[in-house]
Amino acid sequence: MRYFDCTRFDYKNITAEESKALTKRDKSAYKHSFTTWINNEIEQITERKWQIDNIGVVEETGDFIRLIKEAELTYALGAFYSTIALTGIASEDLCKYFAKKTGHIDLQSLTQHVRLQKLKERGELSEETHKAFDAIRIVRNDCLHFNDDFKTRDQSTLGAEALNCINSLKAIYKELFSPSNSQYKSGEIITKIIEDFARQQVYKTSFGDTLNQEEFTMKLRYFMAKELQIDVAISNPGDKITQTDLFRIEEIDLEVTPKEITLHHIPLGIYTTIDLADEDIKKIQDLGLSEDDTIFASIYSILNHQGMSATWYFETFIAFKS
């Protein structure tokens, strides 16, 4: 097997302008090649993502979190060597962090093997947690030293070891720090999750963060079901759902695109934003409706591909006079 390293063509003996144009063309061709690869691999990528365990929310975080996130992404992409190496480094950093957090500053400069043994002897790690930590250390060392035995492992074996490493590390992390989680009021943790996602999107905190709004919606669904016992995946994609009830107008915003109105669903106490059509705006104006007015309305949404309501619209509405 040979290593072919020749993706980027080296243009010589042409003008800078010609080189720029041809390089742009080549980059476009590479984008097509990469997109084709992603499309061909998407089923396997998704399956591997679903093999990684969820551990919910753990408040205590250190720099190791960035490595865990990146390890998860590399596993989904099938880069098993990277997963094992990253998980091993994250495991060592997590162990150092835990040792410092529990007052064992003297263990910081020791090897991972000795550090783990000392934490067990001092009663900070159970036998089971010590074994789990140590198993990750051994696989990580095999990977980084790339010894002959490790080189002969096939993709299936590597994949199984990589998955065990990432899931084991996440289980250790949750076991060590979940007891320190704060007690939140109902709905409070969801607000914190939304704030955290906003920070990720603005500051790009680490490779492997929540990918985009789509993945964030999936995560939010999980926490709403866990905390509020509400599954926001209502039905099948494409289904139409309708609500008919009393609503109070919280805000009318005709300066944004699309124009919208925010309604407070009085019986349930929840808020819904409605996209306004031109005829809706005319009717609002004709009825002289403004903020704090109450309306009796029928609203609907067509469920998106995740089975969740996305954009809401009016079917009809009338002013409600008490």
Protein backbone atom coordinates (compact mmCIF):
# COMPACT_ATOMS: atom_id res chain seq x y z
CA MET A 1 0.00 0.00 0.00
CA ARG A 2 1.40 3.37 -1.00
CA TYR A 3 0.70 6.87 0.31
CA PHE A 4 -0.51 9.21 -2.42
CA ASP A 5 -0.30 12.84 -1.33
CA CYS A 6 -1.28 14.88 -4.34
CA THR A 7 -4.71 16.49 -3.84
CA ARG A 8 -3.49 20.07 -4.31
CA PHE A 9 -2.16 20.77 -7.79
CA ASP A 10 0.94 22.95 -7.96
CA TYR A 11 0.41 25.50 -10.70
CA LYS A 12 3.62 26.86 -12.17
CA ASN A 13 4.58 29.07 -15.09
CA ILE A 14 1.22 30.86 -15.14
CA THR A 15 0.10 34.23 -13.87
CA ALA A 16 -1.12 34.69 -10.30
CA GLU A 17 -4.60 35.51 -11.58
CA GLU A 18 -4.75 32.29 -13.64
CA SER A 19 -3.44 30.26 -10.70
CA LYS A 20 -6.12 31.74 -8.42
CA ALA A 21 -8.90 30.87 -10.89
CA LEU A 22 -7.68 27.30 -11.38
CA THR A 23 -7.20 26.77 -7.65
CA LYS A 24 -10.76 27.94 -7.07
CA ARG A 25 -11.95 25.40 -9.63
CA ASP A 26 -9.96 22.62 -7.95
CA LYS A 27 -11.32 23.52 -4.52
CA SER A 28 -14.83 23.33 -5.92
CA ALA A 29 -14.06 19.85 -7.27
CA TYR A 30 -12.72 18.80 -3.87
CA LYS A 31 -15.86 20.08 -2.14
CA HIS A 32 -17.88 17.89 -4.49
CA SER A 33 -15.64 14.91 -3.71
CA PHE A 34 -15.90 15.46 0.05
CA THR A 35 -19.67 15.95 -0.09
CA THR A 36 -19.98 12.71 -2.05
CA TRP A 37 -17.97 10.89 0.63
CA ILE A 38 -20.16 12.33 3.41
CA ASN A 39 -23.33 11.33 1.56
CA ASN A 40 -22.01 7.81 1.02
CA GLU A 41 -21.01 7.48 4.69
CA ILE A 42 -23.93 9.29 6.33
CA GLU A 43 -25.77 6.11 7.37
CA GLN A 44 -22.69 4.68 9.09
CA ILE A 45 -21.84 8.06 10.67
CA THR A 46 -25.34 8.32 12.13
CA GLU A 47 -25.33 4.72 13.37
CA ARG A 48 -22.03 5.29 15.16
CA LYS A 49 -23.37 8.52 16.70
CA TRP A 50 -26.29 6.53 18.12
CA GLN A 51 -23.88 4.05 19.72
CA ILE A 52 -22.47 6.75 22.00
CA ASP A 53 -24.21 6.86 25.39
CA ASN A 54 -26.12 9.91 26.65
CA ILE A 55 -25.26 10.99 30.19
CA GLY A 56 -27.56 14.01 30.50
CA VAL A 57 -26.18 17.09 32.23
CA VAL A 58 -23.06 17.18 34.41
CA GLU A 59 -22.35 20.67 35.71
CA GLU A 60 -18.70 20.20 36.68
CA THR A 61 -16.55 20.78 33.61
CA GLY A 62 -12.86 21.16 32.80
CA ASP A 63 -10.70 21.33 29.70
CA PHE A 64 -11.19 17.58 29.21
CA ILE A 65 -14.73 18.31 27.95
CA ARG A 66 -13.32 19.71 24.70
CA LEU A 67 -11.44 16.46 24.13
CA ILE A 68 -14.51 14.33 24.92
CA LYS A 69 -16.61 16.29 22.42
CA GLU A 70 -13.97 15.93 19.73
CA ALA A 71 -13.56 12.21 20.50
CA GLU A 72 -17.30 11.71 20.03
CA LEU A 73 -17.17 13.39 16.64
CA THR A 74 -14.12 11.40 15.49
CA TYR A 75 -15.82 8.16 16.50
CA ALA A 76 -18.93 9.04 14.50
CA LEU A 77 -16.71 9.78 11.50
CA GLY A 78 -14.95 6.42 11.89
CA ALA A 79 -11.55 7.85 12.90
CA PHE A 80 -10.95 5.24 15.61
CA TYR A 81 -7.25 5.90 16.25
CA SER A 82 -8.11 9.54 16.92
CA THR A 83 -10.97 8.54 19.24
CA ILE A 84 -8.75 6.28 21.33
CA ALA A 85 -5.94 8.84 21.55
CA LEU A 86 -8.27 11.73 22.43
CA THR A 87 -10.19 9.67 24.98
CA GLY A 88 -6.95 8.59 26.63
CA ILE A 89 -5.72 12.18 26.92
CA ALA A 90 -9.14 13.34 28.17
CA SER A 91 -9.16 10.51 30.73
CA GLU A 92 -5.82 11.61 32.14
CA ASP A 93 -6.90 15.26 32.31
CA LEU A 94 -10.20 14.27 33.98
CA CYS A 95 -8.28 12.24 36.55
CA LYS A 96 -5.93 15.16 37.31
CA TYR A 97 -8.91 17.49 37.58
CA PHE A 98 -10.68 15.12 39.97
CA ALA A 99 -7.56 14.67 42.09
CA LYS A 100 -7.15 18.44 42.44
CA LYS A 101 -10.86 18.90 43.13
CA THR A 102 -10.72 16.37 45.96
CA GLY A 103 -7.65 17.96 47.52
CA HIS A 104 -4.92 15.59 46.29
CA ILE A 105 -2.63 18.21 44.78
CA ASP A 106 0.42 15.99 45.28
CA LEU A 107 -0.84 13.60 42.58
CA GLN A 108 -0.74 16.11 39.72
CA SER A 109 2.78 15.33 38.50
CA LEU A 110 2.56 11.55 38.78
CA THR A 111 1.95 9.12 35.94
CA GLN A 112 -1.66 8.16 35.28
CA HIS A 113 -0.99 4.60 36.48
CA VAL A 114 0.38 5.77 39.84
CA ARG A 115 -2.23 8.54 40.20
CA LEU A 116 -5.07 6.06 39.77
CA GLN A 117 -3.57 3.65 42.28
CA LYS A 118 -3.12 6.41 44.87
CA LEU A 119 -6.70 7.67 44.42
CA LYS A 120 -8.00 4.15 44.95
CA GLU A 121 -5.83 3.67 48.05
CA ARG A 122 -7.09 6.97 49.47
CA GLY A 123 -10.70 5.91 48.98
CA GLU A 124 -11.54 8.41 46.22
CA LEU A 125 -12.04 5.80 43.49
CA SER A 126 -14.00 2.58 43.76
CA GLU A 127 -12.47 -0.65 42.45
CA GLU A 128 -14.82 -0.52 39.46
CA THR A 129 -13.98 3.09 38.56
CA HIS A 130 -10.26 2.41 38.97
CA LYS A 131 -10.49 -0.53 36.57
CA ALA A 132 -12.45 1.52 34.02
CA PHE A 133 -9.90 4.35 34.16
CA ASP A 134 -7.01 1.90 33.88
CA ALA A 135 -8.52 0.07 30.90
CA ILE A 136 -8.67 3.36 28.99
CA ARG A 137 -5.05 4.09 29.98
CA ILE A 138 -3.84 0.73 28.63
CA VAL A 139 -5.61 1.07 25.26
CA ARG A 140 -4.42 4.66 24.95
CA ASN A 141 -0.81 3.60 25.56
CA ASP A 142 -1.11 0.83 22.97
CA CYS A 143 -2.40 3.39 20.48
CA LEU A 144 0.16 6.13 21.15
CA HIS A 145 3.12 3.73 21.16
CA PHE A 146 1.61 2.01 18.12
CA ASN A 147 3.13 -1.35 18.99
CA ASP A 148 2.98 -4.34 16.66
CA ASP A 149 -0.05 -5.90 18.35
CA PHE A 150 -2.03 -2.68 18.00
CA LYS A 151 -1.05 -2.29 14.35
CA THR A 152 -2.60 -5.64 13.44
CA ARG A 153 -6.05 -4.84 14.85
CA ASP A 154 -8.73 -4.59 12.17
CA GLN A 155 -11.29 -1.79 11.87
CA SER A 156 -13.99 -3.78 13.64
CA THR A 157 -11.76 -4.37 16.68
CA LEU A 158 -10.55 -0.77 16.70
CA GLY A 159 -14.13 0.48 16.47
CA ALA A 160 -15.23 -1.65 19.41
CA GLU A 161 -12.28 -0.44 21.52
CA ALA A 162 -12.88 3.19 20.56
CA LEU A 163 -16.57 2.97 21.47
CA ASN A 164 -15.82 1.28 24.78
CA CYS A 165 -13.27 4.00 25.60
CA ILE A 166 -15.63 6.92 24.93
CA ASN A 167 -18.65 5.37 26.65
CA SER A 168 -16.57 4.23 29.63
CA LEU A 169 -15.01 7.68 30.05
CA LYS A 170 -18.42 9.39 29.94
CA ALA A 171 -19.75 6.95 32.54
CA ILE A 172 -16.74 7.69 34.79
CA TYR A 173 -17.25 11.43 34.36
CA LYS A 174 -20.92 11.20 35.30
CA GLU A 175 -20.19 8.98 38.32
CA LEU A 176 -17.52 11.33 39.68
CA PHE A 177 -19.43 14.59 39.33
CA SER A 178 -23.19 14.03 39.02
CA PRO A 179 -23.66 14.09 42.82
CA SER A 180 -22.48 17.73 42.79
CA ASN A 181 -25.21 18.83 40.35
CA SER A 182 -27.39 21.66 41.63
CA GLN A 183 -31.08 21.19 42.25
CA TYR A 184 -32.94 23.19 39.62
CA LYS A 185 -36.50 24.41 39.56
CA SER A 186 -38.67 22.93 36.81
CA GLY A 187 -37.67 24.36 33.46
CA GLU A 188 -34.54 26.10 34.76
CA ILE A 189 -32.08 23.61 33.30
CA ILE A 190 -33.64 24.04 29.83
CA THR A 191 -32.92 27.78 30.02
CA LYS A 192 -29.29 27.02 30.90
CA ILE A 193 -29.02 24.63 27.94
CA ILE A 194 -30.31 27.32 25.57
CA GLU A 195 -27.81 29.82 26.98
CA ASP A 196 -24.96 27.31 26.60
CA PHE A 197 -25.87 26.60 22.98
CA ALA A 198 -25.89 30.35 22.25
CA ARG A 199 -22.36 30.64 23.70
CA GLN A 200 -21.17 27.71 21.58
CA GLN A 201 -22.52 29.28 18.41
CA VAL A 202 -21.02 32.71 19.14
CA TYR A 203 -17.61 31.66 20.48
CA LYS A 204 -17.14 28.26 18.75
CA THR A 205 -15.88 26.90 22.06
CA SER A 206 -14.57 23.58 20.75
CA PHE A 207 -14.54 21.24 17.78
CA GLY A 208 -17.37 18.77 18.34
CA ASP A 209 -19.82 21.23 19.90
CA THR A 210 -23.52 20.96 19.05
CA LEU A 211 -23.41 21.11 15.26
CA ASN A 212 -26.26 23.49 14.51
CA GLN A 213 -29.86 24.41 15.30
CA GLU A 214 -31.02 21.00 14.08
CA GLU A 215 -28.93 19.01 16.56
CA PHE A 216 -29.70 21.51 19.31
CA THR A 217 -33.42 20.89 18.79
CA MET A 218 -32.83 17.15 19.20
CA LYS A 219 -30.94 17.73 22.47
CA LEU A 220 -33.58 20.13 23.75
CA ARG A 221 -36.26 17.51 23.07
CA TYR A 222 -34.34 15.04 25.26
CA PHE A 223 -34.10 17.42 28.20
CA MET A 224 -37.72 18.60 27.94
CA ALA A 225 -38.86 14.97 28.08
CA LYS A 226 -36.54 14.23 31.03
CA GLU A 227 -37.31 17.36 33.04
CA LEU A 228 -40.89 18.24 32.11
CA GLN A 229 -42.14 14.85 30.87
CA ILE A 230 -43.08 16.52 27.58
CA ASP A 231 -42.09 14.98 24.25
CA VAL A 232 -42.10 17.83 21.74
CA ALA A 233 -41.96 15.34 18.88
CA ILE A 234 -45.72 15.32 18.54
CA SER A 235 -46.46 13.10 15.57
CA ASN A 236 -45.24 12.16 12.10
CA PRO A 237 -43.43 14.62 9.82
CA GLY A 238 -45.87 16.46 7.56
CA ASP A 239 -48.83 16.07 9.92
CA LYS A 240 -50.90 19.17 10.62
CA ILE A 241 -51.61 20.04 14.25
CA THR A 242 -54.11 22.69 15.36
CA GLN A 243 -54.75 24.57 18.60
CA THR A 244 -57.94 26.57 19.21
CA ASP A 245 -58.19 28.63 22.39
CA LEU A 246 -57.82 32.02 24.05
CA PHE A 247 -54.55 33.86 23.52
CA ARG A 248 -53.21 37.17 24.76
CA ILE A 249 -51.13 39.22 22.32
CA GLU A 250 -47.67 39.74 23.79
CA GLU A 251 -45.98 41.42 20.84
CA ILE A 252 -46.65 42.38 17.24
CA ASP A 253 -43.46 42.79 15.21
CA LEU A 254 -43.87 44.06 11.66
CA GLU A 255 -40.22 45.11 11.32
CA VAL A 256 -38.78 41.60 10.97
CA THR A 257 -38.95 39.15 8.08
CA PRO A 258 -41.24 37.29 8.18
CA LYS A 259 -43.54 39.57 10.18
CA GLU A 260 -44.75 37.88 13.35
CA ILE A 261 -46.95 38.02 16.40
CA THR A 262 -46.19 36.43 19.78
CA LEU A 263 -49.17 34.94 21.60
CA HIS A 264 -49.53 33.83 25.22
CA HIS A 265 -51.68 30.71 25.40
CA ILE A 266 -53.77 31.66 28.45
CA PRO A 267 -54.89 28.19 29.67
CA LEU A 268 -51.42 26.58 29.35
CA GLY A 269 -49.25 29.61 30.04
CA ILE A 270 -46.95 28.99 27.06
CA TYR A 271 -45.83 31.33 24.29
CA THR A 272 -46.08 30.76 20.54
CA THR A 273 -44.77 32.90 17.70
CA ILE A 274 -47.00 33.09 14.60
CA ASP A 275 -45.74 34.04 11.13
CA LEU A 276 -48.12 36.62 9.69
CA ALA A 277 -49.49 36.60 6.15
CA ASP A 278 -50.55 39.88 4.52
CA GLU A 279 -54.22 39.09 5.15
CA ASP A 280 -53.47 38.48 8.84
CA ILE A 281 -51.84 41.89 9.16
CA LYS A 282 -54.79 43.58 7.46
CA LYS A 283 -57.23 41.80 9.79
CA ILE A 284 -55.21 42.81 12.87
CA GLN A 285 -55.34 46.41 11.71
CA ASP A 286 -59.04 46.25 10.83
CA LEU A 287 -59.86 44.85 14.28
CA GLY A 288 -57.66 47.43 15.94
CA LEU A 289 -55.73 44.75 17.84
CA SER A 290 -52.67 45.62 19.86
CA GLU A 291 -50.47 44.18 22.60
CA ASP A 292 -52.30 42.88 25.71
CA ASP A 293 -55.52 42.34 23.74
CA THR A 294 -57.13 38.90 23.95
CA ILE A 295 -58.16 36.93 20.88
CA PHE A 296 -59.91 33.64 20.25
CA ALA A 297 -57.80 31.94 17.60
CA SER A 298 -57.17 28.73 15.74
CA ILE A 299 -53.49 28.25 14.92
CA TYR A 300 -51.72 25.42 13.11
CA SER A 301 -48.29 24.05 12.26
CA ILE A 302 -47.02 21.45 9.79
CA LEU A 303 -44.64 19.15 11.66
CA ASN A 304 -41.05 19.17 10.44
CA HIS A 305 -38.82 16.16 9.71
CA GLN A 306 -38.21 15.66 13.45
CA GLY A 307 -41.95 15.41 14.12
CA MET A 308 -41.92 18.78 15.90
CA SER A 309 -43.88 21.94 15.35
CA ALA A 310 -41.73 24.53 13.63
CA THR A 311 -43.54 27.49 12.08
CA TRP A 312 -47.03 28.39 13.28
CA TYR A 313 -49.74 30.15 11.27
CA PHE A 314 -53.24 31.51 11.83
CA GLU A 315 -56.23 29.60 10.50
CA THR A 316 -58.57 32.24 11.87
CA PHE A 317 -58.93 34.61 14.82
CA ILE A 318 -61.43 37.05 16.28
CA ALA A 319 -61.20 39.71 18.97
CA PHE A 320 -62.39 38.46 22.36
CA LYS A 321 -64.37 40.82 24.49
CA SER A 322 -64.79 39.73 28.10
